[in-house]
Amino acid sequence: MLIVAVTRGERGATCYSRTAGKIEIQSVPVVVADTVGAGDSFQAAMLAWLEENRRASPAELAALSTGEIEDLGRFAASAAAATCRHRGPEFPYRKALRGFP
């Protein structure tokens, strides 16, 4: 089981999984200084969320519900938005995500 994520900047992202199908993720509004590193932040945040929620194993990944994938996508979108607030690839720490949905 895997999740495919297609990021589209200000138009959000789409996650696809075998069990949950197609899930649209809204972008997080932010004043953009630079988009360098936003996609990397999105992907890294997905991995962090999976690890923190003990869902990083193949079996756990396969068992993700639609709601969990939505939470995963929102977390990743928040990390990407936080990255866009700075010039250059300044990746966010967890505290930078406070105030994001």
Protein backbone atom coordinates (compact mmCIF):
# COMPACT_ATOMS: atom_id res chain seq x y z
CA MET A 1 0.00 0.00 0.00
CA LEU A 2 1.19 3.45 -0.76
CA ILE A 3 -0.10 6.97 -0.89
CA VAL A 4 0.57 9.13 -3.91
CA ALA A 5 0.54 12.86 -3.23
CA VAL A 6 0.37 15.42 -6.03
CA THR A 7 1.10 18.95 -4.83
CA ARG A 8 -0.17 21.96 -6.76
CA GLY A 9 0.99 24.96 -4.72
CA GLU A 10 -1.80 27.41 -3.94
CA ARG A 11 -4.32 24.99 -5.50
CA GLY A 12 -3.68 22.44 -2.75
CA ALA A 13 -2.80 18.79 -3.14
CA THR A 14 -4.44 15.50 -3.99
CA CYS A 15 -3.68 12.26 -2.17
CA TYR A 16 -4.52 8.91 -3.71
CA SER A 17 -4.72 5.58 -1.91
CA ARG A 18 -6.16 2.20 -2.83
CA THR A 19 -8.47 2.10 0.16
CA ALA A 20 -9.53 5.75 0.45
CA GLY A 21 -9.41 6.76 -3.21
CA LYS A 22 -8.86 10.38 -4.17
CA ILE A 23 -8.66 12.93 -1.33
CA GLU A 24 -8.39 16.66 -2.00
CA ILE A 25 -6.31 18.73 0.41
CA GLN A 26 -6.87 22.48 0.58
CA SER A 27 -3.82 24.75 0.53
CA VAL A 28 -3.09 26.83 3.63
CA PRO A 29 -3.33 30.59 3.00
CA VAL A 30 -0.03 32.35 3.62
CA VAL A 31 1.83 35.43 2.41
CA VAL A 32 4.43 33.86 0.13
CA ALA A 33 8.02 35.08 0.23
CA ASP A 34 9.45 32.13 -1.71
CA THR A 35 8.28 28.66 -2.73
CA VAL A 36 11.71 26.99 -2.68
CA GLY A 37 11.52 23.90 -0.51
CA ALA A 38 7.73 23.81 -0.15
CA GLY A 39 7.40 20.43 -1.85
CA ASP A 40 10.25 19.00 0.20
CA SER A 41 8.57 20.28 3.37
CA PHE A 42 5.28 18.70 2.29
CA GLN A 43 6.90 15.29 1.81
CA ALA A 44 9.01 15.50 4.99
CA ALA A 45 5.93 16.49 7.00
CA MET A 46 4.06 13.47 5.63
CA LEU A 47 6.85 11.19 6.82
CA ALA A 48 6.98 12.94 10.22
CA TRP A 49 3.20 12.62 10.66
CA LEU A 50 3.30 8.91 9.79
CA GLU A 51 6.13 8.26 12.24
CA GLU A 52 4.63 10.36 15.06
CA ASN A 53 1.28 8.61 14.66
CA ARG A 54 2.86 5.16 14.46
CA ARG A 55 1.54 4.65 10.94
CA ALA A 56 4.88 4.36 9.08
CA SER A 57 4.90 0.59 8.62
CA PRO A 58 3.49 -0.94 5.43
CA ALA A 59 0.61 -2.54 7.37
CA GLU A 60 -0.27 0.67 9.20
CA LEU A 61 0.01 2.72 6.03
CA ALA A 62 -2.40 0.34 4.32
CA ALA A 63 -4.88 0.77 7.18
CA LEU A 64 -5.06 4.59 7.03
CA SER A 65 -8.62 5.87 6.99
CA THR A 66 -9.84 8.72 4.81
CA GLY A 67 -9.86 10.98 7.89
CA GLU A 68 -6.29 10.10 8.74
CA ILE A 69 -5.14 10.81 5.20
CA GLU A 70 -6.94 14.17 5.40
CA ASP A 71 -5.12 14.94 8.68
CA LEU A 72 -1.84 13.84 7.11
CA GLY A 73 -2.44 16.10 4.10
CA ARG A 74 -3.43 19.12 6.21
CA PHE A 75 -0.32 18.72 8.34
CA ALA A 76 1.86 18.50 5.23
CA ALA A 77 0.14 21.52 3.66
CA SER A 78 0.78 23.51 6.84
CA ALA A 79 4.48 22.65 6.71
CA ALA A 80 4.67 23.68 3.05
CA ALA A 81 2.92 26.99 3.83
CA ALA A 82 5.29 27.66 6.74
CA THR A 83 8.24 27.13 4.39
CA CYS A 84 6.81 29.66 1.91
CA ARG A 85 6.88 32.45 4.52
CA HIS A 86 10.68 32.71 4.24
CA ARG A 87 13.16 33.33 1.46
CA GLY A 88 15.09 30.21 0.56
CA PRO A 89 14.55 26.68 1.81
CA GLU A 90 14.06 27.33 5.52
CA PHE A 91 12.29 24.20 6.67
CA PRO A 92 9.88 24.63 9.59
CA TYR A 93 10.24 23.30 13.09
CA ARG A 94 7.11 22.02 14.80
CA LYS A 95 6.67 25.34 16.66
CA ALA A 96 6.44 27.15 13.29
CA LEU A 97 3.26 25.19 12.56
CA ARG A 98 1.37 26.66 15.50
CA GLY A 99 -1.50 28.71 14.23
CA PHE A 100 -1.88 26.69 11.07
CA PRO A 101 -4.94 24.47 10.69
